[in-house]
C-alpha atoms as a PDB file:
ATOM      1  CA  MET A   1     -31.382  -4.819  19.248  1.00  0.00           C
ATOM      2  CA  GLU A   2     -33.954  -2.441  17.944  1.00  0.00           C
ATOM      3  CA  VAL A   3     -33.573  -0.817  14.523  1.00  0.00           C
ATOM      4  CA  ASP A   4     -35.736   2.048  13.278  1.00  0.00           C
ATOM      5  CA  ILE A   5     -36.271   1.439   9.564  1.00  0.00           C
ATOM      6  CA  PRO A   6     -38.268   4.115   7.721  1.00  0.00           C
ATOM      7  CA  THR A   7     -41.078   2.492   5.810  1.00  0.00           C
ATOM      8  CA  GLY A   8     -43.227   5.390   4.665  1.00  0.00           C
ATOM      9  CA  ASP A   9     -42.333   7.968   2.042  1.00  0.00           C
ATOM     10  CA  GLY A  10     -42.733  10.778   4.596  1.00  0.00           C
ATOM     11  CA  ASP A  11     -40.166   9.172   6.936  1.00  0.00           C
ATOM     12  CA  ILE A  12     -37.687   8.708   4.139  1.00  0.00           C
ATOM     13  CA  ASP A  13     -38.153  12.295   2.906  1.00  0.00           C
ATOM     14  CA  ARG A  14     -37.690  13.740   6.413  1.00  0.00           C
ATOM     15  CA  LYS A  15     -34.489  11.764   6.997  1.00  0.00           C
ATOM     16  CA  TYR A  16     -33.198  12.802   3.576  1.00  0.00           C
ATOM     17  CA  ASP A  17     -33.969  16.486   4.229  1.00  0.00           C
ATOM     18  CA  ARG A  18     -32.268  16.251   7.631  1.00  0.00           C
ATOM     19  CA  ALA A  19     -29.188  14.711   6.041  1.00  0.00           C
ATOM     20  CA  LEU A  20     -29.093  17.470   3.397  1.00  0.00           C
ATOM     21  CA  ALA A  21     -29.339  20.143   6.093  1.00  0.00           C
ATOM     22  CA  ILE A  22     -26.408  18.597   7.950  1.00  0.00           C
ATOM     23  CA  LEU A  23     -24.331  18.435   4.765  1.00  0.00           C
ATOM     24  CA  LYS A  24     -25.079  22.071   3.842  1.00  0.00           C
ATOM     25  CA  ASN A  25     -23.406  23.292   7.032  1.00  0.00           C
ATOM     26  CA  PRO A  26     -19.788  22.170   6.797  1.00  0.00           C
ATOM     27  CA  GLN A  27     -17.836  21.513   9.947  1.00  0.00           C
ATOM     28  CA  PRO A  28     -15.426  24.289  10.908  1.00  0.00           C
ATOM     29  CA  LYS A  29     -11.861  23.508   9.972  1.00  0.00           C
ATOM     30  CA  GLU A  30      -9.712  22.633  12.909  1.00  0.00           C
ATOM     31  CA  GLU A  31      -6.411  24.457  12.804  1.00  0.00           C
ATOM     32  CA  ARG A  32      -3.499  22.456  14.053  1.00  0.00           C
ATOM     33  CA  ASN A  33      -0.318  24.105  15.158  1.00  0.00           C
ATOM     34  CA  ARG A  34       2.666  21.804  14.993  1.00  0.00           C
ATOM     35  CA  ASP A  35       5.846  22.598  16.820  1.00  0.00           C
ATOM     36  CA  ALA A  36       9.198  22.748  15.043  1.00  0.00           C
ATOM     37  CA  SER A  37      10.359  19.289  16.116  1.00  0.00           C
ATOM     38  CA  THR A  38       7.182  17.651  14.796  1.00  0.00           C
ATOM     39  CA  ARG A  39       7.551  19.453  11.477  1.00  0.00           C
ATOM     40  CA  GLN A  40      11.188  18.340  11.253  1.00  0.00           C
ATOM     41  CA  GLU A  41      10.259  14.718  12.007  1.00  0.00           C
ATOM     42  CA  ASP A  42       7.517  14.832   9.376  1.00  0.00           C
ATOM     43  CA  TYR A  43      10.003  16.201   6.846  1.00  0.00           C
ATOM     44  CA  TYR A  44      12.444  13.358   7.565  1.00  0.00           C
ATOM     45  CA  LYS A  45       9.665  10.767   7.303  1.00  0.00           C
ATOM     46  CA  SER A  46       8.553  12.223   3.985  1.00  0.00           C
ATOM     47  CA  PHE A  47      12.125  12.286   2.677  1.00  0.00           C
ATOM     48  CA  ARG A  48      12.730   8.649   3.657  1.00  0.00           C
ATOM     49  CA  THR A  49       9.469   7.634   2.010  1.00  0.00           C
ATOM     50  CA  ARG A  50      10.447   9.364  -1.222  1.00  0.00           C
ATOM     51  CA  VAL A  51      13.907   7.770  -1.217  1.00  0.00           C
ATOM     52  CA  VAL A  52      12.437   4.289  -0.776  1.00  0.00           C
ATOM     53  CA  LEU A  53       9.869   4.907  -3.527  1.00  0.00           C
ATOM     54  CA  VAL A  54      12.535   6.117  -5.958  1.00  0.00           C
ATOM     55  CA  TRP A  55      14.699   3.115  -5.076  1.00  0.00           C
ATOM     56  CA  LEU A  56      11.802   0.716  -5.680  1.00  0.00           C
ATOM     57  CA  ILE A  57      10.862   2.340  -8.979  1.00  0.00           C
ATOM     58  CA  THR A  58      14.441   2.298 -10.279  1.00  0.00           C
ATOM     59  CA  ASN A  59      14.857  -1.346  -9.289  1.00  0.00           C
ATOM     60  CA  LEU A  60      11.590  -2.172 -11.039  1.00  0.00           C
ATOM     61  CA  ALA A  61      12.736  -0.324 -14.151  1.00  0.00           C
ATOM     62  CA  LEU A  62      16.074  -2.166 -14.037  1.00  0.00           C
ATOM     63  CA  ALA A  63      14.358  -5.540 -13.696  1.00  0.00           C
ATOM     64  CA  ILE A  64      11.943  -4.776 -16.525  1.00  0.00           C
ATOM     65  CA  GLY A  65      14.744  -3.512 -18.755  1.00  0.00           C
ATOM     66  CA  ILE A  66      16.883  -6.573 -18.187  1.00  0.00           C
ATOM     67  CA  LEU A  67      14.051  -9.055 -18.530  1.00  0.00           C
ATOM     68  CA  ARG A  68      12.683  -7.390 -21.679  1.00  0.00           C
ATOM     69  CA  THR A  69      15.986  -7.469 -23.545  1.00  0.00           C
ATOM     70  CA  GLY A  70      16.726 -10.753 -25.203  1.00  0.00           C
ATOM     71  CA  SER A  71      20.462 -10.387 -25.521  1.00  0.00           C
ATOM     72  CA  GLY A  72      21.437  -9.323 -22.026  1.00  0.00           C
ATOM     73  CA  PHE A  73      24.431  -7.097 -21.338  1.00  0.00           C
ATOM     74  CA  GLN A  74      27.837  -7.391 -22.941  1.00  0.00           C
ATOM     75  CA  GLY A  75      30.510  -8.560 -20.573  1.00  0.00           C
ATOM     76  CA  ILE A  76      28.081 -10.136 -18.148  1.00  0.00           C
ATOM     77  CA  ARG A  77      27.993 -13.857 -18.268  1.00  0.00           C
ATOM     78  CA  SER A  78      25.433 -15.775 -16.309  1.00  0.00           C
ATOM     79  CA  GLU A  79      26.283 -19.192 -15.030  1.00  0.00           C
ATOM     80  CA  GLY A  80      24.121 -22.004 -16.279  1.00  0.00           C
ATOM     81  CA  SER A  81      21.528 -21.372 -18.943  1.00  0.00           C
ATOM     82  CA  ALA A  82      21.437 -18.009 -20.700  1.00  0.00           C
ATOM     83  CA  THR A  83      17.934 -17.020 -19.672  1.00  0.00           C
ATOM     84  CA  THR A  84      17.066 -13.422 -19.014  1.00  0.00           C
ATOM     85  CA  ALA A  85      16.240 -14.238 -15.389  1.00  0.00           C
ATOM     86  CA  ASN A  86      19.780 -15.485 -14.864  1.00  0.00           C
ATOM     87  CA  ILE A  87      21.123 -12.306 -16.478  1.00  0.00           C
ATOM     88  CA  TYR A  88      19.067 -10.245 -14.054  1.00  0.00           C
ATOM     89  CA  LEU A  89      20.399 -12.230 -11.129  1.00  0.00           C
ATOM     90  CA  ALA A  90      23.962 -11.819 -12.385  1.00  0.00           C
ATOM     91  CA  VAL A  91      23.507  -8.036 -12.656  1.00  0.00           C
ATOM     92  CA  SER A  92      21.878  -7.719  -9.256  1.00  0.00           C
ATOM     93  CA  THR A  93      24.594  -9.889  -7.647  1.00  0.00           C
ATOM     94  CA  ARG A  94      27.344  -7.740  -9.125  1.00  0.00           C
ATOM     95  CA  ALA A  95      25.556  -4.561  -8.055  1.00  0.00           C
ATOM     96  CA  SER A  96      25.173  -5.805  -4.506  1.00  0.00           C
ATOM     97  CA  ARG A  97      28.884  -6.646  -4.358  1.00  0.00           C
ATOM     98  CA  LEU A  98      29.724  -3.087  -5.377  1.00  0.00           C
ATOM     99  CA  CYS A  99      27.732  -1.636  -2.508  1.00  0.00           C
END
């Protein structure tokens, strides 16, 4: 393998000036025309992504809210010790049974 490494100041300056000239002339933007079915598929993908993100964020907020409260929820009894982790598991178990 042969590598051309600039060693002199003149070589470095020429390569730098060439790089600046390339960067001054931006590439033309490529226009893409999508058909209706592709746009519809992209919309559905975006919608599904947003639904999953909202679901994850709400579950995270629920977990944080339950674990941060020391008393738990009234009417929810966790089996075993009364730790906040058990309260979270009791809430999530009841919620999954409702679905």
